[in-house]
Amino acid sequence: MDARVGIGVAALAALLAISGCGSTQSTACQCPKIVVYDEPTLKKISEALRALPADNVLHQAMEDYENERDDLRFLHFCQ
C-alpha cells in the first residue's frame, strides 16, 4: 500500500510540473525578490549563528541559503 501512495504522489507531482498547475500567466523570467537585510539585522543573524554549536545543522542551511541568494543576485544582474 505504501508503494502505491508513493507512486501516486510522484505521478501527481509530475502532472503538476508538466501542466504548470493550470496557470495562464507566463512564469518566464519571474525571479523572486531578494530580501534586503539592514546592518543591525545582519549583525544579529551573525551573532546568532556564532552562538550555535559547530555541528548544528543550521550552519549548512544558512550556507545553502547564502548560495541561493548569490544565484538570485546573478539572475537579477543578467536581466
N, C-alpha and C. Protein backbone atom coordinates (compact mmCIF):
# COMPACT_ATOMS: atom_id res chain seq x y z
N MET A 1 0.82 -1.20 0.00
CA MET A 1 0.00 0.00 0.00
C MET A 1 0.86 1.25 0.00
N ASP A 2 1.95 1.30 0.78
CA ASP A 2 2.80 2.47 0.84
C ASP A 2 3.45 2.77 -0.50
N ALA A 3 3.82 1.74 -1.23
CA ALA A 3 4.45 1.94 -2.53
C ALA A 3 3.48 2.60 -3.51
N ARG A 4 2.21 2.21 -3.44
CA ARG A 4 1.22 2.81 -4.34
C ARG A 4 0.99 4.28 -4.00
N VAL A 5 1.02 4.60 -2.72
CA VAL A 5 0.86 6.00 -2.31
C VAL A 5 2.04 6.82 -2.83
N GLY A 6 3.25 6.28 -2.69
CA GLY A 6 4.43 6.98 -3.18
C GLY A 6 4.39 7.20 -4.68
N ILE A 7 3.94 6.18 -5.40
CA ILE A 7 3.82 6.30 -6.86
C ILE A 7 2.76 7.34 -7.22
N GLY A 8 1.67 7.34 -6.47
CA GLY A 8 0.60 8.32 -6.71
C GLY A 8 1.08 9.75 -6.48
N VAL A 9 1.83 9.95 -5.41
CA VAL A 9 2.36 11.28 -5.11
C VAL A 9 3.33 11.71 -6.19
N ALA A 10 4.21 10.80 -6.62
CA ALA A 10 5.17 11.12 -7.68
C ALA A 10 4.44 11.46 -8.98
N ALA A 11 3.40 10.70 -9.30
CA ALA A 11 2.64 10.96 -10.52
C ALA A 11 1.95 12.31 -10.46
N LEU A 12 1.39 12.65 -9.30
CA LEU A 12 0.73 13.95 -9.14
C LEU A 12 1.73 15.08 -9.27
N ALA A 13 2.89 14.93 -8.65
CA ALA A 13 3.93 15.96 -8.74
C ALA A 13 4.36 16.15 -10.19
N ALA A 14 4.54 15.06 -10.92
CA ALA A 14 4.94 15.15 -12.33
C ALA A 14 3.85 15.83 -13.15
N LEU A 15 2.60 15.48 -12.89
CA LEU A 15 1.49 16.08 -13.62
C LEU A 15 1.41 17.58 -13.38
N LEU A 16 1.57 17.99 -12.13
CA LEU A 16 1.53 19.42 -11.80
C LEU A 16 2.70 20.16 -12.44
N ALA A 17 3.85 19.53 -12.45
CA ALA A 17 5.03 20.16 -13.06
C ALA A 17 4.83 20.34 -14.56
N ILE A 18 4.27 19.33 -15.20
CA ILE A 18 4.06 19.39 -16.65
C ILE A 18 2.97 20.39 -17.00
N SER A 19 1.90 20.41 -16.22
CA SER A 19 0.77 21.28 -16.55
C SER A 19 0.96 22.70 -16.07
N GLY A 20 1.94 22.92 -15.20
CA GLY A 20 2.15 24.26 -14.67
C GLY A 20 1.02 24.67 -13.75
N CYS A 21 0.36 23.71 -13.16
CA CYS A 21 -0.76 23.92 -12.23
C CYS A 21 -1.90 24.70 -12.90
N GLY A 22 -1.99 24.64 -14.21
CA GLY A 22 -3.08 25.30 -14.91
C GLY A 22 -2.95 26.81 -14.98
N SER A 23 -1.81 27.32 -14.71
CA SER A 23 -1.60 28.76 -14.71
C SER A 23 -1.67 29.31 -16.13
N THR A 24 -2.35 30.44 -16.28
CA THR A 24 -2.41 31.08 -17.59
C THR A 24 -1.38 32.18 -17.71
N GLN A 25 -0.72 32.53 -16.61
CA GLN A 25 0.30 33.56 -16.65
C GLN A 25 1.64 32.94 -16.99
N SER A 26 2.44 33.69 -17.71
CA SER A 26 3.79 33.23 -18.04
C SER A 26 4.65 33.26 -16.80
N THR A 27 5.45 32.22 -16.62
CA THR A 27 6.37 32.18 -15.48
C THR A 27 7.80 32.44 -15.94
N ALA A 28 8.00 32.78 -17.19
CA ALA A 28 9.33 33.02 -17.71
C ALA A 28 9.92 34.27 -17.06
N CYS A 29 11.15 34.17 -16.62
CA CYS A 29 11.91 35.29 -16.07
C CYS A 29 11.24 35.96 -14.89
N GLN A 30 10.55 35.21 -14.07
CA GLN A 30 9.94 35.77 -12.87
C GLN A 30 10.73 35.30 -11.66
N CYS A 31 11.78 36.02 -11.35
CA CYS A 31 12.61 35.68 -10.20
C CYS A 31 12.01 36.26 -8.93
N PRO A 32 12.14 35.55 -7.83
CA PRO A 32 11.67 36.13 -6.57
C PRO A 32 12.51 37.34 -6.18
N LYS A 33 11.89 38.24 -5.43
CA LYS A 33 12.62 39.41 -4.96
C LYS A 33 13.59 39.00 -3.87
N ILE A 34 14.74 39.61 -3.87
CA ILE A 34 15.74 39.35 -2.86
C ILE A 34 15.40 40.19 -1.63
N VAL A 35 15.34 39.55 -0.47
CA VAL A 35 15.10 40.27 0.77
C VAL A 35 16.39 40.98 1.16
N VAL A 36 16.29 42.25 1.45
CA VAL A 36 17.45 43.05 1.84
C VAL A 36 17.41 43.25 3.35
N TYR A 37 18.47 42.85 4.03
CA TYR A 37 18.55 42.99 5.48
C TYR A 37 19.40 44.21 5.82
N ASP A 38 18.97 44.96 6.82
CA ASP A 38 19.77 46.11 7.26
C ASP A 38 20.93 45.62 8.12
N GLU A 39 21.89 46.50 8.38
CA GLU A 39 23.10 46.12 9.11
C GLU A 39 22.82 45.58 10.52
N PRO A 40 21.92 46.20 11.30
CA PRO A 40 21.64 45.63 12.64
C PRO A 40 21.09 44.20 12.57
N THR A 41 20.25 43.93 11.58
CA THR A 41 19.69 42.58 11.43
C THR A 41 20.78 41.60 11.03
N LEU A 42 21.64 41.99 10.09
CA LEU A 42 22.75 41.13 9.68
C LEU A 42 23.66 40.82 10.87
N LYS A 43 23.88 41.81 11.72
CA LYS A 43 24.71 41.61 12.90
C LYS A 43 24.06 40.60 13.85
N LYS A 44 22.74 40.72 14.06
CA LYS A 44 22.02 39.77 14.92
C LYS A 44 22.09 38.35 14.36
N ILE A 45 21.92 38.23 13.04
CA ILE A 45 21.98 36.91 12.40
C ILE A 45 23.36 36.30 12.60
N SER A 46 24.38 37.11 12.37
CA SER A 46 25.76 36.64 12.51
C SER A 46 26.05 36.19 13.95
N GLU A 47 25.61 36.98 14.91
CA GLU A 47 25.82 36.63 16.32
C GLU A 47 25.08 35.35 16.68
N ALA A 48 23.87 35.21 16.19
CA ALA A 48 23.09 34.00 16.49
C ALA A 48 23.76 32.76 15.89
N LEU A 49 24.29 32.88 14.69
CA LEU A 49 24.98 31.74 14.06
C LEU A 49 26.25 31.37 14.82
N ARG A 50 26.99 32.38 15.25
CA ARG A 50 28.22 32.10 16.01
C ARG A 50 27.92 31.44 17.36
N ALA A 51 26.74 31.70 17.91
CA ALA A 51 26.37 31.13 19.20
C ALA A 51 25.98 29.65 19.09
N LEU A 52 25.71 29.18 17.88
CA LEU A 52 25.31 27.78 17.68
C LEU A 52 26.52 26.86 17.79
N PRO A 53 26.30 25.62 18.23
CA PRO A 53 27.39 24.64 18.21
C PRO A 53 27.88 24.42 16.78
N ALA A 54 29.15 24.10 16.64
CA ALA A 54 29.76 23.94 15.31
C ALA A 54 29.06 22.88 14.46
N ASP A 55 28.48 21.86 15.09
CA ASP A 55 27.86 20.79 14.33
C ASP A 55 26.35 20.99 14.12
N ASN A 56 25.84 22.17 14.41
CA ASN A 56 24.42 22.45 14.25
C ASN A 56 24.06 22.48 12.77
N VAL A 57 22.95 21.87 12.42
CA VAL A 57 22.51 21.75 11.03
C VAL A 57 22.20 23.12 10.41
N LEU A 58 21.91 24.10 11.22
CA LEU A 58 21.60 25.43 10.68
C LEU A 58 22.78 26.08 9.98
N HIS A 59 24.00 25.70 10.34
CA HIS A 59 25.17 26.23 9.63
C HIS A 59 25.10 25.85 8.15
N GLN A 60 24.78 24.60 7.85
CA GLN A 60 24.68 24.14 6.46
C GLN A 60 23.48 24.79 5.78
N ALA A 61 22.37 24.89 6.50
CA ALA A 61 21.18 25.50 5.92
C ALA A 61 21.44 26.96 5.55
N MET A 62 22.14 27.68 6.40
CA MET A 62 22.44 29.08 6.11
C MET A 62 23.42 29.21 4.95
N GLU A 63 24.36 28.28 4.84
CA GLU A 63 25.28 28.30 3.71
C GLU A 63 24.52 28.05 2.41
N ASP A 64 23.58 27.10 2.43
CA ASP A 64 22.76 26.84 1.26
C ASP A 64 21.94 28.08 0.89
N TYR A 65 21.38 28.73 1.90
CA TYR A 65 20.58 29.94 1.69
C TYR A 65 21.44 31.05 1.09
N GLU A 66 22.65 31.18 1.59
CA GLU A 66 23.57 32.20 1.05
C GLU A 66 23.87 31.93 -0.42
N ASN A 67 24.07 30.67 -0.77
CA ASN A 67 24.33 30.31 -2.18
C ASN A 67 23.12 30.62 -3.05
N GLU A 68 21.91 30.36 -2.55
CA GLU A 68 20.70 30.67 -3.31
C GLU A 68 20.57 32.18 -3.52
N ARG A 69 20.88 32.95 -2.49
CA ARG A 69 20.83 34.42 -2.62
C ARG A 69 21.84 34.90 -3.66
N ASP A 70 23.03 34.30 -3.65
CA ASP A 70 24.03 34.67 -4.65
C ASP A 70 23.53 34.36 -6.06
N ASP A 71 22.89 33.21 -6.22
CA ASP A 71 22.33 32.83 -7.52
C ASP A 71 21.26 33.83 -7.95
N LEU A 72 20.40 34.24 -7.02
CA LEU A 72 19.35 35.20 -7.34
C LEU A 72 19.95 36.55 -7.75
N ARG A 73 20.98 36.98 -7.05
CA ARG A 73 21.63 38.24 -7.40
C ARG A 73 22.17 38.16 -8.83
N PHE A 74 22.75 37.02 -9.17
CA PHE A 74 23.28 36.84 -10.52
C PHE A 74 22.17 36.91 -11.55
N LEU A 75 21.04 36.25 -11.26
CA LEU A 75 19.92 36.26 -12.20
C LEU A 75 19.37 37.67 -12.36
N HIS A 76 19.25 38.43 -11.28
CA HIS A 76 18.76 39.80 -11.37
C HIS A 76 19.74 40.66 -12.16
N PHE A 77 21.02 40.39 -12.01
CA PHE A 77 22.05 41.14 -12.73
C PHE A 77 21.94 40.87 -14.23
N CYS A 78 21.58 39.65 -14.61
CA CYS A 78 21.53 39.26 -16.02
C CYS A 78 20.30 39.81 -16.74
N GLN A 79 19.31 40.23 -16.00
CA GLN A 79 18.07 40.67 -16.66
C GLN A 79 18.18 42.06 -17.20
